[in-house]
Amino acid sequence: MKQLMRPGMVALSLFTAITISPAFGTTQFGASCPQKFIATVTNVEDVQNGLFPKVEVDFQVIQTLKGEQIFSKKIQIVRDGPVHFKSGEIYTIESRENWLCSATLFSKI
């Protein structure tokens, strides 16, 4: 099902996804994300370079749902963003290259 959006709705949708979705365990940031997989967080490490404090999250892929078959993935995100990954948790992740599109908590530790 394709959803039609006017230009002003994109900002509202992004605002809604960031402010409301974390309460439900899902955060979405993008629309065109070619990779989707279920993975376990294996490591979360602070990254010191750049303007914003970031963390690098390492994932061990359990199952690839969309895109090319991968076995592990590293993604950098803003440290104080809406998703706080912890080692051992399992997520359904959508990504584009090294950018996080969405993260849905599948199982807590």
PDB file of N, CA and C in Angstrom:
ATOM      1  N   MET A   1       0.854  -1.169   0.000  1.00  0.00           N
ATOM      2  CA  MET A   1       0.000   0.000   0.000  1.00  0.00           C
ATOM      3  C   MET A   1       0.899   1.231   0.000  1.00  0.00           C
ATOM      4  N   LYS A   2       0.688   2.118  -0.927  1.00  0.00           N
ATOM      5  CA  LYS A   2       1.482   3.325  -1.057  1.00  0.00           C
ATOM      6  C   LYS A   2       0.753   4.476  -0.390  1.00  0.00           C
ATOM      7  N   GLN A   3       1.481   5.236   0.407  1.00  0.00           N
ATOM      8  CA  GLN A   3       0.880   6.356   1.114  1.00  0.00           C
ATOM      9  C   GLN A   3       1.307   7.648   0.432  1.00  0.00           C
ATOM     10  N   LEU A   4       0.344   8.497   0.097  1.00  0.00           N
ATOM     11  CA  LEU A   4       0.642   9.773  -0.522  1.00  0.00           C
ATOM     12  C   LEU A   4       0.780  10.835   0.553  1.00  0.00           C
ATOM     13  N   MET A   5       1.830  11.658   0.427  1.00  0.00           N
ATOM     14  CA  MET A   5       2.071  12.691   1.426  1.00  0.00           C
ATOM     15  C   MET A   5       2.353  14.007   0.731  1.00  0.00           C
ATOM     16  N   ARG A   6       1.791  15.066   1.250  1.00  0.00           N
ATOM     17  CA  ARG A   6       2.120  16.400   0.767  1.00  0.00           C
ATOM     18  C   ARG A   6       3.437  16.805   1.411  1.00  0.00           C
ATOM     19  N   PRO A   7       4.173  17.791   0.842  1.00  0.00           N
ATOM     20  CA  PRO A   7       5.474  18.191   1.386  1.00  0.00           C
ATOM     21  C   PRO A   7       5.455  18.542   2.878  1.00  0.00           C
ATOM     22  N   GLY A   8       4.444  19.210   3.355  1.00  0.00           N
ATOM     23  CA  GLY A   8       4.385  19.587   4.770  1.00  0.00           C
ATOM     24  C   GLY A   8       4.153  18.416   5.698  1.00  0.00           C
ATOM     25  N   MET A   9       3.630  17.327   5.155  1.00  0.00           N
ATOM     26  CA  MET A   9       3.346  16.158   5.986  1.00  0.00           C
ATOM     27  C   MET A   9       4.606  15.392   6.351  1.00  0.00           C
ATOM     28  N   VAL A  10       5.687  15.534   5.562  1.00  0.00           N
ATOM     29  CA  VAL A  10       6.922  14.824   5.846  1.00  0.00           C
ATOM     30  C   VAL A  10       7.486  15.264   7.182  1.00  0.00           C
ATOM     31  N   ALA A  11       7.540  16.578   7.425  1.00  0.00           N
ATOM     32  CA  ALA A  11       8.046  17.089   8.694  1.00  0.00           C
ATOM     33  C   ALA A  11       7.171  16.640   9.849  1.00  0.00           C
ATOM     34  N   LEU A  12       5.866  16.670   9.671  1.00  0.00           N
ATOM     35  CA  LEU A  12       4.958  16.230  10.716  1.00  0.00           C
ATOM     36  C   LEU A  12       5.141  14.747  10.986  1.00  0.00           C
ATOM     37  N   SER A  13       5.311  13.947   9.938  1.00  0.00           N
ATOM     38  CA  SER A  13       5.506  12.515  10.111  1.00  0.00           C
ATOM     39  C   SER A  13       6.809  12.232  10.841  1.00  0.00           C
ATOM     40  N   LEU A  14       7.893  12.934  10.489  1.00  0.00           N
ATOM     41  CA  LEU A  14       9.169  12.744  11.156  1.00  0.00           C
ATOM     42  C   LEU A  14       9.052  13.144  12.614  1.00  0.00           C
ATOM     43  N   PHE A  15       8.399  14.284  12.897  1.00  0.00           N
ATOM     44  CA  PHE A  15       8.209  14.723  14.271  1.00  0.00           C
ATOM     45  C   PHE A  15       7.414  13.686  15.058  1.00  0.00           C
ATOM     46  N   THR A  16       6.353  13.164  14.466  1.00  0.00           N
ATOM     47  CA  THR A  16       5.529  12.161  15.129  1.00  0.00           C
ATOM     48  C   THR A  16       6.319  10.890  15.384  1.00  0.00           C
ATOM     49  N   ALA A  17       7.105  10.455  14.417  1.00  0.00           N
ATOM     50  CA  ALA A  17       7.883   9.234  14.581  1.00  0.00           C
ATOM     51  C   ALA A  17       8.896   9.375  15.707  1.00  0.00           C
ATOM     52  N   ILE A  18       9.529  10.538  15.824  1.00  0.00           N
ATOM     53  CA  ILE A  18      10.543  10.742  16.852  1.00  0.00           C
ATOM     54  C   ILE A  18       9.916  10.898  18.229  1.00  0.00           C
ATOM     55  N   THR A  19       8.799  11.595  18.335  1.00  0.00           N
ATOM     56  CA  THR A  19       8.242  11.881  19.652  1.00  0.00           C
ATOM     57  C   THR A  19       7.285  10.824  20.164  1.00  0.00           C
ATOM     58  N   ILE A  20       6.556  10.159  19.288  1.00  0.00           N
ATOM     59  CA  ILE A  20       5.541   9.212  19.746  1.00  0.00           C
ATOM     60  C   ILE A  20       6.027   7.767  19.686  1.00  0.00           C
ATOM     61  N   SER A  21       6.692   7.381  18.630  1.00  0.00           N
ATOM     62  CA  SER A  21       7.038   5.989  18.406  1.00  0.00           C
ATOM     63  C   SER A  21       7.891   5.341  19.486  1.00  0.00           C
ATOM     64  N   PRO A  22       8.868   6.016  20.121  1.00  0.00           N
ATOM     65  CA  PRO A  22       9.669   5.327  21.121  1.00  0.00           C
ATOM     66  C   PRO A  22       8.830   4.707  22.250  1.00  0.00           C
ATOM     67  N   ALA A  23       7.692   5.264  22.552  1.00  0.00           N
ATOM     68  CA  ALA A  23       6.843   4.700  23.587  1.00  0.00           C
ATOM     69  C   ALA A  23       6.317   3.330  23.182  1.00  0.00           C
ATOM     70  N   PHE A  24       6.252   3.094  21.888  1.00  0.00           N
ATOM     71  CA  PHE A  24       5.778   1.815  21.383  1.00  0.00           C
ATOM     72  C   PHE A  24       6.923   0.899  20.986  1.00  0.00           C
ATOM     73  N   GLY A  25       8.168   1.323  21.145  1.00  0.00           N
ATOM     74  CA  GLY A  25       9.311   0.496  20.824  1.00  0.00           C
ATOM     75  C   GLY A  25       9.745   0.582  19.369  1.00  0.00           C
ATOM     76  N   THR A  26       9.231   1.523  18.617  1.00  0.00           N
ATOM     77  CA  THR A  26       9.588   1.673  17.209  1.00  0.00           C
ATOM     78  C   THR A  26       9.964   3.119  16.940  1.00  0.00           C
ATOM     79  N   THR A  27      11.031   3.309  16.172  1.00  0.00           N
ATOM     80  CA  THR A  27      11.422   4.637  15.743  1.00  0.00           C
ATOM     81  C   THR A  27      11.730   4.559  14.264  1.00  0.00           C
ATOM     82  N   GLN A  28      11.154   5.461  13.469  1.00  0.00           N
ATOM     83  CA  GLN A  28      11.392   5.458  12.038  1.00  0.00           C
ATOM     84  C   GLN A  28      11.939   6.806  11.602  1.00  0.00           C
ATOM     85  N   PHE A  29      12.930   6.775  10.693  1.00  0.00           N
ATOM     86  CA  PHE A  29      13.556   8.001  10.231  1.00  0.00           C
ATOM     87  C   PHE A  29      13.522   8.178   8.729  1.00  0.00           C
ATOM     88  N   GLY A  30      13.370   7.142   7.949  1.00  0.00           N
ATOM     89  CA  GLY A  30      13.454   7.281   6.510  1.00  0.00           C
ATOM     90  C   GLY A  30      12.416   6.456   5.787  1.00  0.00           C
ATOM     91  N   ALA A  31      12.279   6.738   4.497  1.00  0.00           N
ATOM     92  CA  ALA A  31      11.269   6.033   3.714  1.00  0.00           C
ATOM     93  C   ALA A  31      11.875   4.996   2.785  1.00  0.00           C
ATOM     94  N   SER A  32      13.087   5.206   2.294  1.00  0.00           N
ATOM     95  CA  SER A  32      13.697   4.301   1.330  1.00  0.00           C
ATOM     96  C   SER A  32      14.862   3.561   1.971  1.00  0.00           C
ATOM     97  N   CYS A  33      14.564   2.408   2.521  1.00  0.00           N
ATOM     98  CA  CYS A  33      15.577   1.640   3.244  1.00  0.00           C
ATOM     99  C   CYS A  33      15.653   0.227   2.679  1.00  0.00           C
ATOM    100  N   PRO A  34      16.721  -0.084   1.924  1.00  0.00           N
ATOM    101  CA  PRO A  34      16.795  -1.364   1.226  1.00  0.00           C
ATOM    102  C   PRO A  34      17.132  -2.569   2.097  1.00  0.00           C
ATOM    103  N   GLN A  35      17.622  -2.367   3.312  1.00  0.00           N
ATOM    104  CA  GLN A  35      17.976  -3.488   4.179  1.00  0.00           C
ATOM    105  C   GLN A  35      17.021  -3.583   5.363  1.00  0.00           C
ATOM    106  N   LYS A  36      16.598  -4.811   5.660  1.00  0.00           N
ATOM    107  CA  LYS A  36      15.789  -5.063   6.849  1.00  0.00           C
ATOM    108  C   LYS A  36      16.226  -6.399   7.407  1.00  0.00           C
ATOM    109  N   PHE A  37      16.484  -6.428   8.720  1.00  0.00           N
ATOM    110  CA  PHE A  37      16.966  -7.658   9.333  1.00  0.00           C
ATOM    111  C   PHE A  37      16.628  -7.691  10.815  1.00  0.00           C
ATOM    112  N   ILE A  38      16.671  -8.883  11.372  1.00  0.00           N
ATOM    113  CA  ILE A  38      16.518  -9.085  12.817  1.00  0.00           C
ATOM    114  C   ILE A  38      17.910  -9.370  13.345  1.00  0.00           C
ATOM    115  N   ALA A  39      18.309  -8.653  14.402  1.00  0.00           N
ATOM    116  CA  ALA A  39      19.684  -8.786  14.892  1.00  0.00           C
ATOM    117  C   ALA A  39      19.780  -8.567  16.392  1.00  0.00           C
ATOM    118  N   THR A  40      20.823  -9.144  16.960  1.00  0.00           N
ATOM    119  CA  THR A  40      21.149  -8.964  18.373  1.00  0.00           C
ATOM    120  C   THR A  40      22.223  -7.894  18.492  1.00  0.00           C
ATOM    121  N   VAL A  41      22.071  -6.992  19.447  1.00  0.00           N
ATOM    122  CA  VAL A  41      23.095  -5.982  19.723  1.00  0.00           C
ATOM    123  C   VAL A  41      24.243  -6.687  20.435  1.00  0.00           C
ATOM    124  N   THR A  42      25.445  -6.627  19.855  1.00  0.00           N
ATOM    125  CA  THR A  42      26.597  -7.283  20.470  1.00  0.00           C
ATOM    126  C   THR A  42      27.522  -6.313  21.186  1.00  0.00           C
ATOM    127  N   ASN A  43      27.502  -5.039  20.772  1.00  0.00           N
ATOM    128  CA  ASN A  43      28.385  -4.068  21.403  1.00  0.00           C
ATOM    129  C   ASN A  43      27.865  -2.661  21.133  1.00  0.00           C
ATOM    130  N   VAL A  44      27.978  -1.786  22.129  1.00  0.00           N
ATOM    131  CA  VAL A  44      27.644  -0.368  21.978  1.00  0.00           C
ATOM    132  C   VAL A  44      28.846   0.407  22.510  1.00  0.00           C
ATOM    133  N   GLU A  45      29.437   1.237  21.652  1.00  0.00           N
ATOM    134  CA  GLU A  45      30.671   1.926  22.015  1.00  0.00           C
ATOM    135  C   GLU A  45      30.587   3.405  21.664  1.00  0.00           C
ATOM    136  N   ASP A  46      31.063   4.273  22.561  1.00  0.00           N
ATOM    137  CA  ASP A  46      31.081   5.713  22.298  1.00  0.00           C
ATOM    138  C   ASP A  46      32.050   6.043  21.172  1.00  0.00           C
ATOM    139  N   VAL A  47      31.655   7.013  20.328  1.00  0.00           N
ATOM    140  CA  VAL A  47      32.503   7.518  19.254  1.00  0.00           C
ATOM    141  C   VAL A  47      32.815   8.965  19.598  1.00  0.00           C
ATOM    142  N   GLN A  48      34.094   9.331  19.596  1.00  0.00           N
ATOM    143  CA  GLN A  48      34.512  10.643  20.087  1.00  0.00           C
ATOM    144  C   GLN A  48      34.613  11.721  19.017  1.00  0.00           C
ATOM    145  N   ASN A  49      34.590  11.385  17.731  1.00  0.00           N
ATOM    146  CA  ASN A  49      34.757  12.418  16.705  1.00  0.00           C
ATOM    147  C   ASN A  49      33.414  12.976  16.259  1.00  0.00           C
ATOM    148  N   GLY A  50      33.457  14.187  15.689  1.00  0.00           N
ATOM    149  CA  GLY A  50      32.244  14.811  15.173  1.00  0.00           C
ATOM    150  C   GLY A  50      31.652  15.840  16.118  1.00  0.00           C
ATOM    151  N   LEU A  51      30.610  16.534  15.644  1.00  0.00           N
ATOM    152  CA  LEU A  51      29.959  17.584  16.423  1.00  0.00           C
ATOM    153  C   LEU A  51      29.069  17.028  17.529  1.00  0.00           C
ATOM    154  N   PHE A  52      28.373  15.940  17.235  1.00  0.00           N
ATOM    155  CA  PHE A  52      27.435  15.367  18.199  1.00  0.00           C
ATOM    156  C   PHE A  52      28.012  14.081  18.778  1.00  0.00           C
ATOM    157  N   PRO A  53      27.815  13.856  20.088  1.00  0.00           N
ATOM    158  CA  PRO A  53      28.276  12.587  20.658  1.00  0.00           C
ATOM    159  C   PRO A  53      27.486  11.429  20.034  1.00  0.00           C
ATOM    160  N   LYS A  54      28.210  10.416  19.567  1.00  0.00           N
ATOM    161  CA  LYS A  54      27.568   9.286  18.904  1.00  0.00           C
ATOM    162  C   LYS A  54      27.986   7.982  19.569  1.00  0.00           C
ATOM    163  N   VAL A  55      27.245   6.942  19.234  1.00  0.00           N
ATOM    164  CA  VAL A  55      27.629   5.590  19.618  1.00  0.00           C
ATOM    165  C   VAL A  55      27.658   4.743  18.360  1.00  0.00           C
ATOM    166  N   GLU A  56      28.534   3.770  18.348  1.00  0.00           N
ATOM    167  CA  GLU A  56      28.572   2.794  17.269  1.00  0.00           C
ATOM    168  C   GLU A  56      27.971   1.507  17.813  1.00  0.00           C
ATOM    169  N   VAL A  57      26.960   1.004  17.132  1.00  0.00           N
ATOM    170  CA  VAL A  57      26.246  -0.189  17.572  1.00  0.00           C
ATOM    171  C   VAL A  57      26.599  -1.330  16.632  1.00  0.00           C
ATOM    172  N   ASP A  58      27.072  -2.437  17.206  1.00  0.00           N
ATOM    173  CA  ASP A  58      27.382  -3.635  16.432  1.00  0.00           C
ATOM    174  C   ASP A  58      26.221  -4.603  16.565  1.00  0.00           C
ATOM    175  N   PHE A  59      25.775  -5.146  15.432  1.00  0.00           N
ATOM    176  CA  PHE A  59      24.682  -6.108  15.399  1.00  0.00           C
ATOM    177  C   PHE A  59      25.173  -7.437  14.832  1.00  0.00           C
ATOM    178  N   GLN A  60      24.720  -8.526  15.408  1.00  0.00           N
ATOM    179  CA  GLN A  60      24.900  -9.866  14.848  1.00  0.00           C
ATOM    180  C   GLN A  60      23.566 -10.246  14.236  1.00  0.00           C
ATOM    181  N   VAL A  61      23.519 -10.398  12.915  1.00  0.00           N
ATOM    182  CA  VAL A  61      22.267 -10.626  12.206  1.00  0.00           C
ATOM    183  C   VAL A  61      21.776 -12.059  12.423  1.00  0.00           C
ATOM    184  N   ILE A  62      20.522 -12.169  12.829  1.00  0.00           N
ATOM    185  CA  ILE A  62      19.870 -13.464  13.017  1.00  0.00           C
ATOM    186  C   ILE A  62      19.187 -13.887  11.723  1.00  0.00           C
ATOM    187  N   GLN A  63      18.484 -12.936  11.085  1.00  0.00           N
ATOM    188  CA  GLN A  63      17.761 -13.237   9.855  1.00  0.00           C
ATOM    189  C   GLN A  63      17.660 -11.980   8.997  1.00  0.00           C
ATOM    190  N   THR A  64      17.970 -12.115   7.713  1.00  0.00           N
ATOM    191  CA  THR A  64      17.796 -11.019   6.762  1.00  0.00           C
ATOM    192  C   THR A  64      16.379 -11.092   6.211  1.00  0.00           C
ATOM    193  N   LEU A  65      15.644  -9.993   6.297  1.00  0.00           N
ATOM    194  CA  LEU A  65      14.266  -9.939   5.823  1.00  0.00           C
ATOM    195  C   LEU A  65      14.141  -9.271   4.465  1.00  0.00           C
ATOM    196  N   LYS A  66      15.061  -8.336   4.158  1.00  0.00           N
ATOM    197  CA  LYS A  66      15.021  -7.605   2.887  1.00  0.00           C
ATOM    198  C   LYS A  66      16.434  -7.165   2.550  1.00  0.00           C
ATOM    199  N   GLY A  67      16.779  -7.236   1.272  1.00  0.00           N
ATOM    200  CA  GLY A  67      18.100  -6.802   0.832  1.00  0.00           C
ATOM    201  C   GLY A  67      19.082  -7.949   0.793  1.00  0.00           C
ATOM    202  N   GLU A  68      20.354  -7.587   0.607  1.00  0.00           N
ATOM    203  CA  GLU A  68      21.389  -8.611   0.500  1.00  0.00           C
ATOM    204  C   GLU A  68      21.633  -9.292   1.845  1.00  0.00           C
ATOM    205  N   GLN A  69      22.036 -10.546   1.773  1.00  0.00           N
ATOM    206  CA  GLN A  69      22.320 -11.342   2.975  1.00  0.00           C
ATOM    207  C   GLN A  69      23.538 -10.757   3.692  1.00  0.00           C
ATOM    208  N   ILE A  70      23.382 -10.424   4.965  1.00  0.00           N
ATOM    209  CA  ILE A  70      24.500  -9.930   5.773  1.00  0.00           C
ATOM    210  C   ILE A  70      24.557 -10.716   7.072  1.00  0.00           C
ATOM    211  N   PHE A  71      25.731 -10.738   7.698  1.00  0.00           N
ATOM    212  CA  PHE A  71      25.907 -11.496   8.926  1.00  0.00           C
ATOM    213  C   PHE A  71      26.162 -10.599  10.130  1.00  0.00           C
ATOM    214  N   SER A  72      26.621  -9.374   9.854  1.00  0.00           N
ATOM    215  CA  SER A  72      26.826  -8.396  10.925  1.00  0.00           C
ATOM    216  C   SER A  72      26.677  -7.009  10.325  1.00  0.00           C
ATOM    217  N   LYS A  73      26.474  -6.033  11.202  1.00  0.00           N
ATOM    218  CA  LYS A  73      26.258  -4.656  10.744  1.00  0.00           C
ATOM    219  C   LYS A  73      26.718  -3.705  11.834  1.00  0.00           C
ATOM    220  N   LYS A  74      27.350  -2.597  11.443  1.00  0.00           N
ATOM    221  CA  LYS A  74      27.719  -1.518  12.360  1.00  0.00           C
ATOM    222  C   LYS A  74      26.987  -0.267  11.926  1.00  0.00           C
ATOM    223  N   ILE A  75      26.367   0.394  12.883  1.00  0.00           N
ATOM    224  CA  ILE A  75      25.640   1.624  12.606  1.00  0.00           C
ATOM    225  C   ILE A  75      26.020   2.648  13.675  1.00  0.00           C
ATOM    226  N   GLN A  76      26.267   3.903  13.251  1.00  0.00           N
ATOM    227  CA  GLN A  76      26.510   4.980  14.200  1.00  0.00           C
ATOM    228  C   GLN A  76      25.245   5.820  14.322  1.00  0.00           C
ATOM    229  N   ILE A  77      24.884   6.129  15.566  1.00  0.00           N
ATOM    230  CA  ILE A  77      23.714   6.969  15.823  1.00  0.00           C
ATOM    231  C   ILE A  77      24.066   7.989  16.900  1.00  0.00           C
ATOM    232  N   VAL A  78      23.263   9.033  17.002  1.00  0.00           N
ATOM    233  CA  VAL A  78      23.449  10.049  18.042  1.00  0.00           C
ATOM    234  C   VAL A  78      23.226   9.390  19.402  1.00  0.00           C
ATOM    235  N   ARG A  79      24.136   9.633  20.334  1.00  0.00           N
ATOM    236  CA  ARG A  79      24.095   8.968  21.645  1.00  0.00           C
ATOM    237  C   ARG A  79      22.804   9.251  22.403  1.00  0.00           C
ATOM    238  N   ASP A  80      22.320  10.472  22.395  1.00  0.00           N
ATOM    239  CA  ASP A  80      21.127  10.819  23.168  1.00  0.00           C
ATOM    240  C   ASP A  80      19.873  10.842  22.306  1.00  0.00           C
ATOM    241  N   GLY A  81      19.853  10.043  21.252  1.00  0.00           N
ATOM    242  CA  GLY A  81      18.701   9.962  20.358  1.00  0.00           C
ATOM    243  C   GLY A  81      17.560   9.163  20.972  1.00  0.00           C
ATOM    244  N   PRO A  82      16.531   8.923  20.189  1.00  0.00           N
ATOM    245  CA  PRO A  82      15.333   8.254  20.705  1.00  0.00           C
ATOM    246  C   PRO A  82      15.497   6.761  20.982  1.00  0.00           C
ATOM    247  N   VAL A  83      16.551   6.128  20.443  1.00  0.00           N
ATOM    248  CA  VAL A  83      16.770   4.698  20.668  1.00  0.00           C
ATOM    249  C   VAL A  83      18.047   4.521  21.476  1.00  0.00           C
ATOM    250  N   HIS A  84      17.967   3.747  22.543  1.00  0.00           N
ATOM    251  CA  HIS A  84      19.131   3.457  23.383  1.00  0.00           C
ATOM    252  C   HIS A  84      19.369   1.952  23.348  1.00  0.00           C
ATOM    253  N   PHE A  85      20.272   1.534  22.470  1.00  0.00           N
ATOM    254  CA  PHE A  85      20.560   0.122  22.300  1.00  0.00           C
ATOM    255  C   PHE A  85      21.371  -0.412  23.480  1.00  0.00           C
ATOM    256  N   LYS A  86      21.108  -1.651  23.862  1.00  0.00           N
ATOM    257  CA  LYS A  86      21.854  -2.327  24.921  1.00  0.00           C
ATOM    258  C   LYS A  86      22.271  -3.698  24.420  1.00  0.00           C
ATOM    259  N   SER A  87      23.478  -4.112  24.773  1.00  0.00           N
ATOM    260  CA  SER A  87      23.966  -5.429  24.374  1.00  0.00           C
ATOM    261  C   SER A  87      23.002  -6.510  24.834  1.00  0.00           C
ATOM    262  N   GLY A  88      22.735  -7.457  23.937  1.00  0.00           N
ATOM    263  CA  GLY A  88      21.851  -8.568  24.242  1.00  0.00           C
ATOM    264  C   GLY A  88      20.424  -8.375  23.772  1.00  0.00           C
ATOM    265  N   GLU A  89      20.008  -7.142  23.526  1.00  0.00           N
ATOM    266  CA  GLU A  89      18.650  -6.905  23.037  1.00  0.00           C
ATOM    267  C   GLU A  89      18.562  -7.287  21.560  1.00  0.00           C
ATOM    268  N   ILE A  90      17.368  -7.686  21.143  1.00  0.00           N
ATOM    269  CA  ILE A  90      17.131  -8.077  19.752  1.00  0.00           C
ATOM    270  C   ILE A  90      16.185  -7.060  19.122  1.00  0.00           C
ATOM    271  N   TYR A  91      16.552  -6.590  17.924  1.00  0.00           N
ATOM    272  CA  TYR A  91      15.784  -5.579  17.212  1.00  0.00           C
ATOM    273  C   TYR A  91      15.493  -6.019  15.781  1.00  0.00           C
ATOM    274  N   THR A  92      14.407  -5.506  15.233  1.00  0.00           N
ATOM    275  CA  THR A  92      14.196  -5.531  13.794  1.00  0.00           C
ATOM    276  C   THR A  92      14.699  -4.177  13.305  1.00  0.00           C
ATOM    277  N   ILE A  93      15.669  -4.202  12.398  1.00  0.00           N
ATOM    278  CA  ILE A  93      16.351  -2.988  11.941  1.00  0.00           C
ATOM    279  C   ILE A  93      16.110  -2.795  10.452  1.00  0.00           C
ATOM    280  N   GLU A  94      15.837  -1.555  10.063  1.00  0.00           N
ATOM    281  CA  GLU A  94      15.835  -1.173   8.659  1.00  0.00           C
ATOM    282  C   GLU A  94      16.944  -0.137   8.498  1.00  0.00           C
ATOM    283  N   SER A  95      17.739  -0.299   7.445  1.00  0.00           N
ATOM    284  CA  SER A  95      18.866   0.617   7.261  1.00  0.00           C
ATOM    285  C   SER A  95      19.149   0.861   5.788  1.00  0.00           C
ATOM    286  N   ARG A  96      19.882   1.926   5.565  1.00  0.00           N
ATOM    287  CA  ARG A  96      20.418   2.249   4.246  1.00  0.00           C
ATOM    288  C   ARG A  96      21.895   2.496   4.480  1.00  0.00           C
ATOM    289  N   GLU A  97      22.720   1.601   3.937  1.00  0.00           N
ATOM    290  CA  GLU A  97      24.165   1.621   4.151  1.00  0.00           C
ATOM    291  C   GLU A  97      24.427   1.617   5.660  1.00  0.00           C
ATOM    292  N   ASN A  98      25.050   2.666   6.201  1.00  0.00           N
ATOM    293  CA  ASN A  98      25.317   2.713   7.646  1.00  0.00           C
ATOM    294  C   ASN A  98      24.369   3.641   8.391  1.00  0.00           C
ATOM    295  N   TRP A  99      23.241   3.974   7.761  1.00  0.00           N
ATOM    296  CA  TRP A  99      22.253   4.872   8.364  1.00  0.00           C
ATOM    297  C   TRP A  99      21.078   4.073   8.884  1.00  0.00           C
ATOM    298  N   LEU A 100      20.649   4.379  10.069  1.00  0.00           N
ATOM    299  CA  LEU A 100      19.493   3.734  10.677  1.00  0.00           C
ATOM    300  C   LEU A 100      18.209   4.378  10.163  1.00  0.00           C
ATOM    301  N   CYS A 101      17.293   3.563   9.655  1.00  0.00           N
ATOM    302  CA  CYS A 101      15.984   4.050   9.218  1.00  0.00           C
ATOM    303  C   CYS A 101      14.937   3.786  10.294  1.00  0.00           C
ATOM    304  N   SER A 102      14.939   2.579  10.827  1.00  0.00           N
ATOM    305  CA  SER A 102      13.998   2.263  11.896  1.00  0.00           C
ATOM    306  C   SER A 102      14.564   1.161  12.766  1.00  0.00           C
ATOM    307  N   ALA A 103      14.118   1.158  14.000  1.00  0.00           N
ATOM    308  CA  ALA A 103      14.522   0.137  14.963  1.00  0.00           C
ATOM    309  C   ALA A 103      13.316  -0.220  15.803  1.00  0.00           C
ATOM    310  N   THR A 104      12.953  -1.502  15.785  1.00  0.00           N
ATOM    311  CA  THR A 104      11.820  -1.983  16.568  1.00  0.00           C
ATOM    312  C   THR A 104      12.343  -3.020  17.550  1.00  0.00           C
ATOM    313  N   LEU A 105      12.150  -2.757  18.828  1.00  0.00           N
ATOM    314  CA  LEU A 105      12.604  -3.700  19.853  1.00  0.00           C
ATOM    315  C   LEU A 105      11.823  -4.989  19.716  1.00  0.00           C
ATOM    316  N   PHE A 106      12.545  -6.083  19.541  1.00  0.00           N
ATOM    317  CA  PHE A 106      11.935  -7.403  19.359  1.00  0.00           C
ATOM    318  C   PHE A 106      11.947  -8.172  20.673  1.00  0.00           C
ATOM    319  N   SER A 107      13.058  -8.040  21.427  1.00  0.00           N
ATOM    320  CA  SER A 107      13.193  -8.763  22.694  1.00  0.00           C
ATOM    321  C   SER A 107      14.205  -8.070  23.591  1.00  0.00           C
ATOM    322  N   LYS A 108      13.803  -7.821  24.843  1.00  0.00           N
ATOM    323  CA  LYS A 108      14.731  -7.245  25.829  1.00  0.00           C
ATOM    324  C   LYS A 108      15.554  -8.346  26.460  1.00  0.00           C
ATOM    325  N   ILE A 109      16.649  -7.939  27.103  1.00  0.00           N
ATOM    326  CA  ILE A 109      17.497  -8.914  27.798  1.00  0.00           C
ATOM    327  C   ILE A 109      16.929  -9.214  29.172  1.00  0.00           C
TER     328      ILE A 109
END
